[in-house]
Each structure stands twice: as structure tokens, then as C-alpha cells.
Amino acid sequence: DYGRLSVMLQWRYNIESVLDVPPEAFDPPPRVDSAVVRMQPLPARSDVNVALLGELVMVAFAQRRKLLRHTLGLWLERRGFAGSFDVQRRAEEVGVAEYLDLASACGRA
């Protein structure tokens, strides 16, 4: 699932699925499927404050079924954000690059 953890990992790593691991491979078998992934570091964006990005993404995904105007929109208003960002979407509809650009813009404000 695409969520807070996905955004926080994908902005720093190129993630590639290597192998699916069925529950039967463990003792006792878990009730979930597992996977082995390869994570290759990406160059860090110097214009992104990690703490600010973490807070922004946490707020965005706090109520993931609601439109962002109810969560992130209010957070942006409190910060005095004057830029443009479409808050008429849900958190999972916003790509990693958009979250990075928003965190960068908020860090400059």
C-alpha cells in the first residue's frame, strides 16, 4: 500500500522487488505475504528538510480517506503557505515528487 512509509522511503531509495516469500517459508507461518526488496540510495535533495517532510506526510496520511483539504490544507494554512497545491485529492493520489516539492516550498516560506 502507498502510505507515509512509502513516501519516506521512495524519496531516498530506488526500491526494487526481488523475491516474493510465501507464509509457508516461516515457522510459524505469518498471515501475510512477505517480500525481499533491494534498496539503492538516491542522491539527497538538499532543498528538502527531512523533519518538515516527515511532518507534512504524517499530516497528509493521518486521515487517509478524507480529502487533503481537511488535514494537509489546514496544516498549510497554519504555516501561512501561499503557494498552490491541489488539496481536493486524497493523500494516496499525491506522488512522491509532489510531496518533495511541497516540503521544499514550505521550507522556503
PDB file of N, CA and C in Angstrom:
ATOM      1  N   ASP A   1       0.837  -1.189   0.000  1.00  0.00           N
ATOM      2  CA  ASP A   1       0.000   0.000   0.000  1.00  0.00           C
ATOM      3  C   ASP A   1       0.875   1.242   0.000  1.00  0.00           C
ATOM      4  N   TYR A   2       0.390   2.256  -0.681  1.00  0.00           N
ATOM      5  CA  TYR A   2       1.086   3.535  -0.729  1.00  0.00           C
ATOM      6  C   TYR A   2       0.672   4.351   0.484  1.00  0.00           C
ATOM      7  N   GLY A   3       1.624   4.690   1.309  1.00  0.00           N
ATOM      8  CA  GLY A   3       1.335   5.438   2.514  1.00  0.00           C
ATOM      9  C   GLY A   3       2.535   6.245   2.956  1.00  0.00           C
ATOM     10  N   ARG A   4       2.507   6.658   4.215  1.00  0.00           N
ATOM     11  CA  ARG A   4       3.562   7.506   4.767  1.00  0.00           C
ATOM     12  C   ARG A   4       4.937   6.849   4.625  1.00  0.00           C
ATOM     13  N   LEU A   5       5.025   5.581   4.983  1.00  0.00           N
ATOM     14  CA  LEU A   5       6.303   4.873   4.889  1.00  0.00           C
ATOM     15  C   LEU A   5       6.794   4.811   3.446  1.00  0.00           C
ATOM     16  N   SER A   6       5.886   4.593   2.506  1.00  0.00           N
ATOM     17  CA  SER A   6       6.253   4.546   1.085  1.00  0.00           C
ATOM     18  C   SER A   6       6.902   5.852   0.646  1.00  0.00           C
ATOM     19  N   VAL A   7       6.291   6.969   1.008  1.00  0.00           N
ATOM     20  CA  VAL A   7       6.824   8.276   0.610  1.00  0.00           C
ATOM     21  C   VAL A   7       8.194   8.503   1.246  1.00  0.00           C
ATOM     22  N   MET A   8       8.307   8.205   2.540  1.00  0.00           N
ATOM     23  CA  MET A   8       9.557   8.470   3.241  1.00  0.00           C
ATOM     24  C   MET A   8      10.706   7.586   2.747  1.00  0.00           C
ATOM     25  N   LEU A   9      10.402   6.413   2.219  1.00  0.00           N
ATOM     26  CA  LEU A   9      11.445   5.559   1.662  1.00  0.00           C
ATOM     27  C   LEU A   9      11.744   5.884   0.202  1.00  0.00           C
ATOM     28  N   GLN A  10      10.705   6.130  -0.586  1.00  0.00           N
ATOM     29  CA  GLN A  10      10.896   6.323  -2.021  1.00  0.00           C
ATOM     30  C   GLN A  10      11.618   7.622  -2.369  1.00  0.00           C
ATOM     31  N   TRP A  11      11.612   8.594  -1.480  1.00  0.00           N
ATOM     32  CA  TRP A  11      12.323   9.832  -1.817  1.00  0.00           C
ATOM     33  C   TRP A  11      13.823   9.661  -1.621  1.00  0.00           C
ATOM     34  N   ARG A  12      14.235   8.625  -0.857  1.00  0.00           N
ATOM     35  CA  ARG A  12      15.655   8.408  -0.595  1.00  0.00           C
ATOM     36  C   ARG A  12      16.220   7.147  -1.257  1.00  0.00           C
ATOM     37  N   TYR A  13      15.326   6.250  -1.717  1.00  0.00           N
ATOM     38  CA  TYR A  13      15.795   4.975  -2.264  1.00  0.00           C
ATOM     39  C   TYR A  13      15.037   4.588  -3.527  1.00  0.00           C
ATOM     40  N   ASN A  14      15.754   3.964  -4.442  1.00  0.00           N
ATOM     41  CA  ASN A  14      15.134   3.284  -5.568  1.00  0.00           C
ATOM     42  C   ASN A  14      14.848   1.871  -5.061  1.00  0.00           C
ATOM     43  N   ILE A  15      13.574   1.515  -4.990  1.00  0.00           N
ATOM     44  CA  ILE A  15      13.189   0.245  -4.386  1.00  0.00           C
ATOM     45  C   ILE A  15      12.726  -0.716  -5.471  1.00  0.00           C
ATOM     46  N   GLU A  16      13.317  -1.898  -5.456  1.00  0.00           N
ATOM     47  CA  GLU A  16      13.017  -2.908  -6.467  1.00  0.00           C
ATOM     48  C   GLU A  16      12.644  -4.216  -5.775  1.00  0.00           C
ATOM     49  N   SER A  17      11.521  -4.788  -6.168  1.00  0.00           N
ATOM     50  CA  SER A  17      11.112  -6.075  -5.622  1.00  0.00           C
ATOM     51  C   SER A  17      12.004  -7.170  -6.209  1.00  0.00           C
ATOM     52  N   VAL A  18      12.575  -7.986  -5.351  1.00  0.00           N
ATOM     53  CA  VAL A  18      13.487  -9.035  -5.783  1.00  0.00           C
ATOM     54  C   VAL A  18      12.821 -10.408  -5.748  1.00  0.00           C
ATOM     55  N   LEU A  19      12.057 -10.666  -4.673  1.00  0.00           N
ATOM     56  CA  LEU A  19      11.541 -12.014  -4.475  1.00  0.00           C
ATOM     57  C   LEU A  19      10.321 -11.961  -3.558  1.00  0.00           C
ATOM     58  N   ASP A  20       9.267 -12.675  -3.933  1.00  0.00           N
ATOM     59  CA  ASP A  20       8.113 -12.842  -3.053  1.00  0.00           C
ATOM     60  C   ASP A  20       8.366 -14.061  -2.169  1.00  0.00           C
ATOM     61  N   VAL A  21       8.008 -13.944  -0.890  1.00  0.00           N
ATOM     62  CA  VAL A  21       8.224 -15.027   0.060  1.00  0.00           C
ATOM     63  C   VAL A  21       6.866 -15.430   0.643  1.00  0.00           C
ATOM     64  N   PRO A  22       6.440 -16.669   0.404  1.00  0.00           N
ATOM     65  CA  PRO A  22       5.129 -17.111   0.908  1.00  0.00           C
ATOM     66  C   PRO A  22       5.181 -17.345   2.423  1.00  0.00           C
ATOM     67  N   PRO A  23       4.027 -17.311   3.063  1.00  0.00           N
ATOM     68  CA  PRO A  23       3.973 -17.545   4.518  1.00  0.00           C
ATOM     69  C   PRO A  23       4.571 -18.889   4.935  1.00  0.00           C
ATOM     70  N   GLU A  24       4.474 -19.895   4.053  1.00  0.00           N
ATOM     71  CA  GLU A  24       4.975 -21.228   4.382  1.00  0.00           C
ATOM     72  C   GLU A  24       6.493 -21.264   4.578  1.00  0.00           C
ATOM     73  N   ALA A  25       7.197 -20.211   4.180  1.00  0.00           N
ATOM     74  CA  ALA A  25       8.649 -20.175   4.332  1.00  0.00           C
ATOM     75  C   ALA A  25       9.064 -19.897   5.781  1.00  0.00           C
ATOM     76  N   PHE A  26       8.110 -19.564   6.647  1.00  0.00           N
ATOM     77  CA  PHE A  26       8.395 -19.238   8.041  1.00  0.00           C
ATOM     78  C   PHE A  26       7.727 -20.242   8.969  1.00  0.00           C
ATOM     79  N   ASP A  27       8.285 -20.352  10.159  1.00  0.00           N
ATOM     80  CA  ASP A  27       7.687 -21.218  11.171  1.00  0.00           C
ATOM     81  C   ASP A  27       7.577 -20.441  12.471  1.00  0.00           C
ATOM     82  N   PRO A  28       6.435 -20.136  12.947  1.00  0.00           N
ATOM     83  CA  PRO A  28       5.115 -20.395  12.374  1.00  0.00           C
ATOM     84  C   PRO A  28       4.842 -19.449  11.212  1.00  0.00           C
ATOM     85  N   PRO A  29       4.010 -19.874  10.285  1.00  0.00           N
ATOM     86  CA  PRO A  29       3.720 -19.031   9.121  1.00  0.00           C
ATOM     87  C   PRO A  29       2.881 -17.812   9.513  1.00  0.00           C
ATOM     88  N   PRO A  30       3.296 -16.627   9.085  1.00  0.00           N
ATOM     89  CA  PRO A  30       2.500 -15.426   9.362  1.00  0.00           C
ATOM     90  C   PRO A  30       1.256 -15.386   8.477  1.00  0.00           C
ATOM     91  N   ARG A  31       0.370 -14.475   8.767  1.00  0.00           N
ATOM     92  CA  ARG A  31      -0.861 -14.336   7.975  1.00  0.00           C
ATOM     93  C   ARG A  31      -0.709 -13.295   6.873  1.00  0.00           C
ATOM     94  N   VAL A  32       0.514 -13.013   6.508  1.00  0.00           N
ATOM     95  CA  VAL A  32       0.797 -12.028   5.460  1.00  0.00           C
ATOM     96  C   VAL A  32       1.808 -12.603   4.486  1.00  0.00           C
ATOM     97  N   ASP A  33       1.836 -12.050   3.294  1.00  0.00           N
ATOM     98  CA  ASP A  33       2.878 -12.391   2.334  1.00  0.00           C
ATOM     99  C   ASP A  33       4.065 -11.482   2.593  1.00  0.00           C
ATOM    100  N   SER A  34       5.254 -11.957   2.324  1.00  0.00           N
ATOM    101  CA  SER A  34       6.471 -11.186   2.539  1.00  0.00           C
ATOM    102  C   SER A  34       7.194 -11.006   1.213  1.00  0.00           C
ATOM    103  N   ALA A  35       8.183 -10.146   1.234  1.00  0.00           N
ATOM    104  CA  ALA A  35       8.971  -9.910   0.028  1.00  0.00           C
ATOM    105  C   ALA A  35      10.384  -9.489   0.421  1.00  0.00           C
ATOM    106  N   VAL A  36      11.308  -9.770  -0.457  1.00  0.00           N
ATOM    107  CA  VAL A  36      12.676  -9.276  -0.335  1.00  0.00           C
ATOM    108  C   VAL A  36      12.797  -8.149  -1.340  1.00  0.00           C
ATOM    109  N   VAL A  37      13.307  -7.005  -0.887  1.00  0.00           N
ATOM    110  CA  VAL A  37      13.448  -5.861  -1.773  1.00  0.00           C
ATOM    111  C   VAL A  37      14.894  -5.370  -1.772  1.00  0.00           C
ATOM    112  N   ARG A  38      15.281  -4.737  -2.860  1.00  0.00           N
ATOM    113  CA  ARG A  38      16.599  -4.111  -2.971  1.00  0.00           C
ATOM    114  C   ARG A  38      16.377  -2.605  -2.887  1.00  0.00           C
ATOM    115  N   MET A  39      17.124  -1.965  -1.992  1.00  0.00           N
ATOM    116  CA  MET A  39      17.001  -0.517  -1.815  1.00  0.00           C
ATOM    117  C   MET A  39      18.347   0.125  -2.157  1.00  0.00           C
ATOM    118  N   GLN A  40      18.345   0.896  -3.232  1.00  0.00           N
ATOM    119  CA  GLN A  40      19.557   1.582  -3.650  1.00  0.00           C
ATOM    120  C   GLN A  40      19.400   3.079  -3.366  1.00  0.00           C
ATOM    121  N   PRO A  41      20.333   3.660  -2.605  1.00  0.00           N
ATOM    122  CA  PRO A  41      20.206   5.068  -2.234  1.00  0.00           C
ATOM    123  C   PRO A  41      20.181   5.991  -3.452  1.00  0.00           C
ATOM    124  N   LEU A  42      19.339   7.000  -3.352  1.00  0.00           N
ATOM    125  CA  LEU A  42      19.263   8.056  -4.361  1.00  0.00           C
ATOM    126  C   LEU A  42      20.003   9.282  -3.827  1.00  0.00           C
ATOM    127  N   PRO A  43      20.453  10.169  -4.699  1.00  0.00           N
ATOM    128  CA  PRO A  43      21.081  11.395  -4.208  1.00  0.00           C
ATOM    129  C   PRO A  43      20.073  12.206  -3.372  1.00  0.00           C
ATOM    130  N   ALA A  44      20.534  12.714  -2.270  1.00  0.00           N
ATOM    131  CA  ALA A  44      19.660  13.502  -1.393  1.00  0.00           C
ATOM    132  C   ALA A  44      19.370  14.857  -2.027  1.00  0.00           C
ATOM    133  N   ARG A  45      18.145  15.321  -1.837  1.00  0.00           N
ATOM    134  CA  ARG A  45      17.769  16.657  -2.294  1.00  0.00           C
ATOM    135  C   ARG A  45      18.076  17.623  -1.162  1.00  0.00           C
ATOM    136  N   SER A  46      18.992  18.528  -1.411  1.00  0.00           N
ATOM    137  CA  SER A  46      19.410  19.460  -0.365  1.00  0.00           C
ATOM    138  C   SER A  46      18.340  20.496  -0.040  1.00  0.00           C
ATOM    139  N   ASP A  47      17.350  20.650  -0.911  1.00  0.00           N
ATOM    140  CA  ASP A  47      16.298  21.645  -0.679  1.00  0.00           C
ATOM    141  C   ASP A  47      15.154  21.110   0.170  1.00  0.00           C
ATOM    142  N   VAL A  48      15.238  19.854   0.622  1.00  0.00           N
ATOM    143  CA  VAL A  48      14.154  19.238   1.390  1.00  0.00           C
ATOM    144  C   VAL A  48      14.600  19.040   2.836  1.00  0.00           C
ATOM    145  N   ASN A  49      13.862  19.641   3.756  1.00  0.00           N
ATOM    146  CA  ASN A  49      14.082  19.455   5.184  1.00  0.00           C
ATOM    147  C   ASN A  49      13.396  18.149   5.572  1.00  0.00           C
ATOM    148  N   VAL A  50      14.174  17.182   6.056  1.00  0.00           N
ATOM    149  CA  VAL A  50      13.650  15.842   6.351  1.00  0.00           C
ATOM    150  C   VAL A  50      12.568  15.888   7.426  1.00  0.00           C
ATOM    151  N   ALA A  51      12.789  16.674   8.470  1.00  0.00           N
ATOM    152  CA  ALA A  51      11.801  16.764   9.553  1.00  0.00           C
ATOM    153  C   ALA A  51      10.501  17.373   9.050  1.00  0.00           C
ATOM    154  N   LEU A  52      10.611  18.396   8.217  1.00  0.00           N
ATOM    155  CA  LEU A  52       9.419  19.045   7.659  1.00  0.00           C
ATOM    156  C   LEU A  52       8.671  18.083   6.727  1.00  0.00           C
ATOM    157  N   LEU A  53       9.395  17.367   5.898  1.00  0.00           N
ATOM    158  CA  LEU A  53       8.769  16.378   5.017  1.00  0.00           C
ATOM    159  C   LEU A  53       8.057  15.309   5.844  1.00  0.00           C
ATOM    160  N   GLY A  54       8.698  14.830   6.890  1.00  0.00           N
ATOM    161  CA  GLY A  54       8.085  13.821   7.746  1.00  0.00           C
ATOM    162  C   GLY A  54       6.796  14.304   8.374  1.00  0.00           C
ATOM    163  N   GLU A  55       6.793  15.543   8.845  1.00  0.00           N
ATOM    164  CA  GLU A  55       5.585  16.114   9.447  1.00  0.00           C
ATOM    165  C   GLU A  55       4.488  16.280   8.401  1.00  0.00           C
ATOM    166  N   LEU A  56       4.854  16.797   7.235  1.00  0.00           N
ATOM    167  CA  LEU A  56       3.904  17.018   6.146  1.00  0.00           C
ATOM    168  C   LEU A  56       3.235  15.707   5.730  1.00  0.00           C
ATOM    169  N   VAL A  57       4.013  14.675   5.544  1.00  0.00           N
ATOM    170  CA  VAL A  57       3.490  13.384   5.105  1.00  0.00           C
ATOM    171  C   VAL A  57       2.647  12.738   6.209  1.00  0.00           C
ATOM    172  N   MET A  58       3.072  12.898   7.476  1.00  0.00           N
ATOM    173  CA  MET A  58       2.299  12.353   8.590  1.00  0.00           C
ATOM    174  C   MET A  58       0.919  13.007   8.644  1.00  0.00           C
ATOM    175  N   VAL A  59       0.870  14.324   8.469  1.00  0.00           N
ATOM    176  CA  VAL A  59      -0.409  15.038   8.477  1.00  0.00           C
ATOM    177  C   VAL A  59      -1.265  14.605   7.289  1.00  0.00           C
ATOM    178  N   ALA A  60      -0.650  14.485   6.128  1.00  0.00           N
ATOM    179  CA  ALA A  60      -1.388  14.115   4.913  1.00  0.00           C
ATOM    180  C   ALA A  60      -2.050  12.749   5.051  1.00  0.00           C
ATOM    181  N   PHE A  61      -1.343  11.790   5.638  1.00  0.00           N
ATOM    182  CA  PHE A  61      -1.862  10.424   5.733  1.00  0.00           C
ATOM    183  C   PHE A  61      -2.581  10.148   7.054  1.00  0.00           C
ATOM    184  N   ALA A  62      -2.734  11.153   7.908  1.00  0.00           N
ATOM    185  CA  ALA A  62      -3.375  10.954   9.214  1.00  0.00           C
ATOM    186  C   ALA A  62      -4.809  10.443   9.063  1.00  0.00           C
ATOM    187  N   GLN A  63      -5.522  10.974   8.096  1.00  0.00           N
ATOM    188  CA  GLN A  63      -6.895  10.527   7.825  1.00  0.00           C
ATOM    189  C   GLN A  63      -6.984  10.239   6.338  1.00  0.00           C
ATOM    190  N   ARG A  64      -6.403   9.146   5.934  1.00  0.00           N
ATOM    191  CA  ARG A  64      -6.151   8.856   4.523  1.00  0.00           C
ATOM    192  C   ARG A  64      -7.393   8.792   3.640  1.00  0.00           C
ATOM    193  N   ARG A  65      -8.564   8.569   4.178  1.00  0.00           N
ATOM    194  CA  ARG A  65      -9.775   8.500   3.359  1.00  0.00           C
ATOM    195  C   ARG A  65     -10.415   9.872   3.137  1.00  0.00           C
ATOM    196  N   LYS A  66      -9.952  10.872   3.889  1.00  0.00           N
ATOM    197  CA  LYS A  66     -10.503  12.220   3.726  1.00  0.00           C
ATOM    198  C   LYS A  66      -9.717  12.986   2.673  1.00  0.00           C
ATOM    199  N   LEU A  67     -10.345  14.003   2.121  1.00  0.00           N
ATOM    200  CA  LEU A  67      -9.642  14.881   1.194  1.00  0.00           C
ATOM    201  C   LEU A  67      -8.570  15.646   1.961  1.00  0.00           C
ATOM    202  N   LEU A  68      -7.504  15.975   1.279  1.00  0.00           N
ATOM    203  CA  LEU A  68      -6.393  16.669   1.912  1.00  0.00           C
ATOM    204  C   LEU A  68      -6.786  18.040   2.470  1.00  0.00           C
ATOM    205  N   ARG A  69      -7.852  18.626   1.975  1.00  0.00           N
ATOM    206  CA  ARG A  69      -8.238  19.949   2.483  1.00  0.00           C
ATOM    207  C   ARG A  69      -8.598  19.880   3.959  1.00  0.00           C
ATOM    208  N   HIS A  70      -9.009  18.706   4.449  1.00  0.00           N
ATOM    209  CA  HIS A  70      -9.369  18.531   5.854  1.00  0.00           C
ATOM    210  C   HIS A  70      -8.157  18.346   6.757  1.00  0.00           C
ATOM    211  N   THR A  71      -7.044  17.941   6.206  1.00  0.00           N
ATOM    212  CA  THR A  71      -5.854  17.663   7.011  1.00  0.00           C
ATOM    213  C   THR A  71      -4.696  18.554   6.578  1.00  0.00           C
ATOM    214  N   LEU A  72      -4.137  18.247   5.438  1.00  0.00           N
ATOM    215  CA  LEU A  72      -2.971  18.982   4.954  1.00  0.00           C
ATOM    216  C   LEU A  72      -3.317  20.426   4.611  1.00  0.00           C
ATOM    217  N   GLY A  73      -4.520  20.655   4.113  1.00  0.00           N
ATOM    218  CA  GLY A  73      -4.940  22.020   3.789  1.00  0.00           C
ATOM    219  C   GLY A  73      -4.912  22.914   5.011  1.00  0.00           C
ATOM    220  N   LEU A  74      -5.407  22.415   6.132  1.00  0.00           N
ATOM    221  CA  LEU A  74      -5.398  23.181   7.378  1.00  0.00           C
ATOM    222  C   LEU A  74      -3.973  23.398   7.879  1.00  0.00           C
ATOM    223  N   TRP A  75      -3.137  22.373   7.758  1.00  0.00           N
ATOM    224  CA  TRP A  75      -1.737  22.466   8.158  1.00  0.00           C
ATOM    225  C   TRP A  75      -1.019  23.533   7.333  1.00  0.00           C
ATOM    226  N   LEU A  76      -1.278  23.538   6.031  1.00  0.00           N
ATOM    227  CA  LEU A  76      -0.657  24.544   5.161  1.00  0.00           C
ATOM    228  C   LEU A  76      -1.135  25.951   5.519  1.00  0.00           C
ATOM    229  N   GLU A  77      -2.415  26.100   5.816  1.00  0.00           N
ATOM    230  CA  GLU A  77      -2.948  27.407   6.221  1.00  0.00           C
ATOM    231  C   GLU A  77      -2.258  27.903   7.482  1.00  0.00           C
ATOM    232  N   ARG A  78      -2.110  27.036   8.481  1.00  0.00           N
ATOM    233  CA  ARG A  78      -1.466  27.430   9.740  1.00  0.00           C
ATOM    234  C   ARG A  78      -0.021  27.849   9.527  1.00  0.00           C
ATOM    235  N   ARG A  79       0.614  27.276   8.520  1.00  0.00           N
ATOM    236  CA  ARG A  79       2.006  27.632   8.215  1.00  0.00           C
ATOM    237  C   ARG A  79       2.097  28.882   7.343  1.00  0.00           C
ATOM    238  N   GLY A  80       0.973  29.394   6.888  1.00  0.00           N
ATOM    239  CA  GLY A  80       0.968  30.576   6.037  1.00  0.00           C
ATOM    240  C   GLY A  80       1.433  30.295   4.619  1.00  0.00           C
ATOM    241  N   PHE A  81       1.215  29.069   4.150  1.00  0.00           N
ATOM    242  CA  PHE A  81       1.636  28.683   2.799  1.00  0.00           C
ATOM    243  C   PHE A  81       0.818  29.443   1.767  1.00  0.00           C
ATOM    244  N   ALA A  82       1.509  30.159   0.893  1.00  0.00           N
ATOM    245  CA  ALA A  82       0.827  30.986  -0.112  1.00  0.00           C
ATOM    246  C   ALA A  82       0.917  30.376  -1.513  1.00  0.00           C
ATOM    247  N   GLY A  83       1.564  29.258  -1.653  1.00  0.00           N
ATOM    248  CA  GLY A  83       1.702  28.633  -2.966  1.00  0.00           C
ATOM    249  C   GLY A  83       0.443  27.889  -3.368  1.00  0.00           C
ATOM    250  N   SER A  84       0.543  27.183  -4.477  1.00  0.00           N
ATOM    251  CA  SER A  84      -0.616  26.414  -4.937  1.00  0.00           C
ATOM    252  C   SER A  84      -0.344  24.921  -4.771  1.00  0.00           C
ATOM    253  N   PHE A  85      -1.353  24.234  -4.274  1.00  0.00           N
ATOM    254  CA  PHE A  85      -1.300  22.790  -4.109  1.00  0.00           C
ATOM    255  C   PHE A  85      -2.735  22.308  -4.080  1.00  0.00           C
ATOM    256  N   ASP A  86      -3.055  21.322  -4.906  1.00  0.00           N
ATOM    257  CA  ASP A  86      -4.424  20.810  -5.018  1.00  0.00           C
ATOM    258  C   ASP A  86      -4.758  19.947  -3.804  1.00  0.00           C
ATOM    259  N   VAL A  87      -5.564  20.481  -2.894  1.00  0.00           N
ATOM    260  CA  VAL A  87      -5.958  19.748  -1.691  1.00  0.00           C
ATOM    261  C   VAL A  87      -7.297  19.041  -1.881  1.00  0.00           C
ATOM    262  N   GLN A  88      -7.793  18.986  -3.100  1.00  0.00           N
ATOM    263  CA  GLN A  88      -9.048  18.292  -3.394  1.00  0.00           C
ATOM    264  C   GLN A  88      -8.782  16.849  -3.821  1.00  0.00           C
ATOM    265  N   ARG A  89      -7.739  16.272  -3.270  1.00  0.00           N
ATOM    266  CA  ARG A  89      -7.370  14.878  -3.527  1.00  0.00           C
ATOM    267  C   ARG A  89      -7.160  14.177  -2.194  1.00  0.00           C
ATOM    268  N   ARG A  90      -7.003  12.897  -2.259  1.00  0.00           N
ATOM    269  CA  ARG A  90      -6.639  12.121  -1.075  1.00  0.00           C
ATOM    270  C   ARG A  90      -5.121  11.948  -1.050  1.00  0.00           C
ATOM    271  N   ALA A  91      -4.590  11.658   0.109  1.00  0.00           N
ATOM    272  CA  ALA A  91      -3.138  11.570   0.286  1.00  0.00           C
ATOM    273  C   ALA A  91      -2.486  10.583  -0.675  1.00  0.00           C
ATOM    274  N   GLU A  92      -3.152   9.459  -0.934  1.00  0.00           N
ATOM    275  CA  GLU A  92      -2.541   8.439  -1.797  1.00  0.00           C
ATOM    276  C   GLU A  92      -2.562   8.825  -3.274  1.00  0.00           C
ATOM    277  N   GLU A  93      -3.217   9.916  -3.616  1.00  0.00           N
ATOM    278  CA  GLU A  93      -3.250  10.388  -5.005  1.00  0.00           C
ATOM    279  C   GLU A  93      -2.111  11.358  -5.320  1.00  0.00           C
ATOM    280  N   VAL A  94      -1.313  11.690  -4.325  1.00  0.00           N
ATOM    281  CA  VAL A  94      -0.212  12.637  -4.494  1.00  0.00           C
ATOM    282  C   VAL A  94       1.086  11.846  -4.616  1.00  0.00           C
ATOM    283  N   GLY A  95       1.840  12.123  -5.651  1.00  0.00           N
ATOM    284  CA  GLY A  95       3.095  11.414  -5.872  1.00  0.00           C
ATOM    285  C   GLY A  95       4.218  11.891  -4.960  1.00  0.00           C
ATOM    286  N   VAL A  96       5.253  11.087  -4.853  1.00  0.00           N
ATOM    287  CA  VAL A  96       6.395  11.401  -4.004  1.00  0.00           C
ATOM    288  C   VAL A  96       7.014  12.738  -4.414  1.00  0.00           C
ATOM    289  N   ALA A  97       7.177  12.959  -5.707  1.00  0.00           N
ATOM    290  CA  ALA A  97       7.789  14.203  -6.186  1.00  0.00           C
ATOM    291  C   ALA A  97       6.980  15.424  -5.758  1.00  0.00           C
ATOM    292  N   GLU A  98       5.652  15.303  -5.756  1.00  0.00           N
ATOM    293  CA  GLU A  98       4.810  16.427  -5.321  1.00  0.00           C
ATOM    294  C   GLU A  98       4.988  16.708  -3.832  1.00  0.00           C
ATOM    295  N   TYR A  99       5.095  15.665  -3.011  1.00  0.00           N
ATOM    296  CA  TYR A  99       5.350  15.868  -1.587  1.00  0.00           C
ATOM    297  C   TYR A  99       6.709  16.544  -1.377  1.00  0.00           C
ATOM    298  N   LEU A 100       7.701  16.120  -2.143  1.00  0.00           N
ATOM    299  CA  LEU A 100       9.029  16.733  -2.028  1.00  0.00           C
ATOM    300  C   LEU A 100       8.993  18.204  -2.419  1.00  0.00           C
ATOM    301  N   ASP A 101       8.329  18.496  -3.522  1.00  0.00           N
ATOM    302  CA  ASP A 101       8.228  19.893  -3.967  1.00  0.00           C
ATOM    303  C   ASP A 101       7.478  20.747  -2.956  1.00  0.00           C
ATOM    304  N   LEU A 102       6.427  20.202  -2.365  1.00  0.00           N
ATOM    305  CA  LEU A 102       5.668  20.936  -1.361  1.00  0.00           C
ATOM    306  C   LEU A 102       6.512  21.178  -0.115  1.00  0.00           C
ATOM    307  N   ALA A 103       7.244  20.173   0.338  1.00  0.00           N
ATOM    308  CA  ALA A 103       8.124  20.341   1.514  1.00  0.00           C
ATOM    309  C   ALA A 103       9.198  21.376   1.225  1.00  0.00           C
ATOM    310  N   SER A 104       9.740  21.359   0.035  1.00  0.00           N
ATOM    311  CA  SER A 104      10.739  22.353  -0.349  1.00  0.00           C
ATOM    312  C   SER A 104      10.161  23.759  -0.338  1.00  0.00           C
ATOM    313  N   ALA A 105       8.949  23.908  -0.900  1.00  0.00           N
ATOM    314  CA  ALA A 105       8.289  25.226  -0.934  1.00  0.00           C
ATOM    315  C   ALA A 105       7.945  25.698   0.480  1.00  0.00           C
ATOM    316  N   CYS A 106       7.517  24.801   1.346  1.00  0.00           N
ATOM    317  CA  CYS A 106       7.184  25.182   2.726  1.00  0.00           C
ATOM    318  C   CYS A 106       8.444  25.564   3.495  1.00  0.00           C
ATOM    319  N   GLY A 107       9.547  24.910   3.176  1.00  0.00           N
ATOM    320  CA  GLY A 107      10.816  25.228   3.840  1.00  0.00           C
ATOM    321  C   GLY A 107      11.355  26.586   3.453  1.00  0.00           C
ATOM    322  N   ARG A 108      10.995  27.058   2.282  1.00  0.00           N
ATOM    323  CA  ARG A 108      11.446  28.385   1.823  1.00  0.00           C
ATOM    324  C   ARG A 108      10.569  29.491   2.356  1.00  0.00           C
ATOM    325  N   ALA A 109       9.341  29.142   2.760  1.00  0.00           N
ATOM    326  CA  ALA A 109       8.384  30.172   3.189  1.00  0.00           C
ATOM    327  C   ALA A 109       8.723  30.697   4.570  1.00  0.00           C
TER     328      ALA A 109
END
